[in-house]
């Protein structure tokens, strides 16, 4: 179970690196606009806000990676739990306030991963 939990944590971290990329560097591209359901005008007007969101997603990814790489496994697990809880809360909030799809794309993977880490 420990290996599965670590793989899941890594996948959630990678997802947030990808979200960082989309929000910081590709926000106004047609593919990302379609993914987020925005217009070209809206994307251009909100590039700075999206980049800020992307940076926060990068911090979530960094925290999860830190938890995976921490030399003290017990501390690493606590770090993973904290950052997975942050991802879960952000996903729930986004799912309620922005788009229901965020619940399935962000919150559900975080919840599954959090349970896996807690069961190790």
Protein backbone atom coordinates (compact mmCIF):
# COMPACT_ATOMS: atom_id res chain seq x y z
CA UNK A 1 0.00 0.00 0.00
CA UNK A 2 2.92 2.33 0.71
CA UNK A 3 4.10 2.21 -2.90
CA UNK A 4 0.58 2.83 -4.21
CA UNK A 5 0.17 5.81 -1.87
CA UNK A 6 3.48 7.30 -3.05
CA UNK A 7 2.52 6.82 -6.70
CA UNK A 8 -0.82 8.52 -6.06
CA UNK A 9 0.86 11.43 -4.26
CA UNK A 10 3.23 11.77 -7.22
CA UNK A 11 0.29 11.79 -9.64
CA UNK A 12 -1.53 14.50 -7.67
CA UNK A 13 1.70 16.52 -7.62
CA UNK A 14 2.09 16.10 -11.39
CA UNK A 15 -1.50 17.17 -11.90
CA UNK A 16 -0.77 20.39 -10.05
CA UNK A 17 2.41 21.00 -12.03
CA UNK A 18 0.25 20.67 -15.15
CA UNK A 19 -2.35 23.06 -13.72
CA UNK A 20 0.51 25.49 -12.97
CA UNK A 21 1.58 25.25 -16.62
CA UNK A 22 -1.95 25.80 -17.92
CA UNK A 23 -2.70 28.75 -15.66
CA UNK A 24 0.68 30.47 -15.79
CA UNK A 25 1.84 29.88 -19.34
CA UNK A 26 -1.02 28.61 -21.53
CA UNK A 27 -4.06 30.39 -20.10
CA UNK A 28 -5.08 32.14 -23.32
CA UNK A 29 -4.50 29.19 -25.68
CA UNK A 30 -7.56 27.67 -27.36
CA UNK A 31 -7.06 24.28 -25.70
CA UNK A 32 -6.82 25.70 -22.18
CA UNK A 33 -9.68 28.13 -22.80
CA UNK A 34 -11.82 25.17 -23.86
CA UNK A 35 -10.75 23.20 -20.79
CA UNK A 36 -11.71 26.05 -18.46
CA UNK A 37 -14.70 27.17 -20.51
CA UNK A 38 -13.49 30.73 -21.06
CA UNK A 39 -13.57 33.10 -23.99
CA UNK A 40 -10.52 34.67 -25.58
CA UNK A 41 -11.43 38.08 -24.19
CA UNK A 42 -11.93 36.72 -20.68
CA UNK A 43 -8.65 34.80 -20.84
CA UNK A 44 -6.75 37.93 -21.92
CA UNK A 45 -8.35 40.01 -19.15
CA UNK A 46 -7.61 37.42 -16.44
CA UNK A 47 -4.10 36.27 -17.39
CA UNK A 48 -2.55 37.81 -14.28
CA UNK A 49 -5.15 36.27 -11.97
CA UNK A 50 -4.76 32.87 -13.62
CA UNK A 51 -0.97 33.07 -13.28
CA UNK A 52 -1.41 33.78 -9.57
CA UNK A 53 -3.65 30.71 -9.25
CA UNK A 54 -1.08 28.69 -11.15
CA UNK A 55 1.62 29.74 -8.74
CA UNK A 56 -0.47 28.49 -5.82
CA UNK A 57 -0.96 25.17 -7.61
CA UNK A 58 2.81 25.02 -7.96
CA UNK A 59 3.16 25.46 -4.21
CA UNK A 60 0.78 22.53 -3.69
CA UNK A 61 2.86 20.39 -6.04
CA UNK A 62 6.09 21.46 -4.33
CA UNK A 63 4.68 20.54 -0.93
CA UNK A 64 3.61 17.11 -2.13
CA UNK A 65 7.01 16.48 -3.71
CA UNK A 66 8.69 17.67 -0.51
CA UNK A 67 6.59 15.15 1.42
CA UNK A 68 7.63 12.36 -0.93
CA UNK A 69 11.33 13.21 -0.74
CA UNK A 70 11.63 14.08 2.94
CA UNK A 71 14.38 11.97 4.56
CA UNK A 72 12.23 11.28 7.63
CA UNK A 73 9.33 9.13 6.42
CA UNK A 74 7.07 10.10 9.33
CA UNK A 75 7.58 13.82 8.70
CA UNK A 76 7.16 13.25 4.96
CA UNK A 77 3.83 11.56 5.58
CA UNK A 78 2.65 14.48 7.72
CA UNK A 79 3.66 16.91 4.98
CA UNK A 80 1.79 14.82 2.39
CA UNK A 81 -1.32 14.75 4.57
CA UNK A 82 -1.24 18.52 5.03
CA UNK A 83 -0.83 19.31 1.34
CA UNK A 84 -3.38 16.69 0.25
CA UNK A 85 -5.85 18.27 2.67
CA UNK A 86 -5.07 21.66 1.10
CA UNK A 87 -5.69 20.24 -2.38
CA UNK A 88 -8.92 18.65 -1.19
CA UNK A 89 -10.22 21.90 0.34
CA UNK A 90 -9.23 23.87 -2.78
CA UNK A 91 -10.96 21.29 -4.98
CA UNK A 92 -14.15 21.36 -2.93
CA UNK A 93 -14.18 25.15 -2.92
CA UNK A 94 -13.54 25.30 -6.66
CA UNK A 95 -16.20 22.68 -7.29
CA UNK A 96 -18.76 24.67 -5.35
CA UNK A 97 -17.80 28.18 -6.47
CA UNK A 98 -16.49 27.74 -10.03
CA UNK A 99 -17.27 24.48 -11.78
CA UNK A 100 -18.57 21.15 -10.51
CA UNK A 101 -16.01 19.33 -12.67
CA UNK A 102 -13.27 20.51 -10.28
CA UNK A 103 -14.71 18.16 -7.66
CA UNK A 104 -13.88 15.19 -9.89
CA UNK A 105 -10.61 16.45 -11.37
CA UNK A 106 -9.01 17.88 -8.23
CA UNK A 107 -10.89 16.99 -5.05
CA UNK A 108 -11.63 13.31 -5.74
CA UNK A 109 -8.02 12.34 -6.60
CA UNK A 110 -6.84 14.22 -3.50
CA UNK A 111 -9.39 12.41 -1.33
CA UNK A 112 -8.47 8.99 -2.69
CA UNK A 113 -4.78 9.75 -2.24
CA UNK A 114 -5.30 11.12 1.25
CA UNK A 115 -7.09 7.91 2.25
CA UNK A 116 -4.27 5.84 0.73
CA UNK A 117 -1.65 7.80 2.67
CA UNK A 118 -3.63 7.52 5.92
CA UNK A 119 -3.92 3.75 5.45
CA UNK A 120 -0.15 3.25 5.12
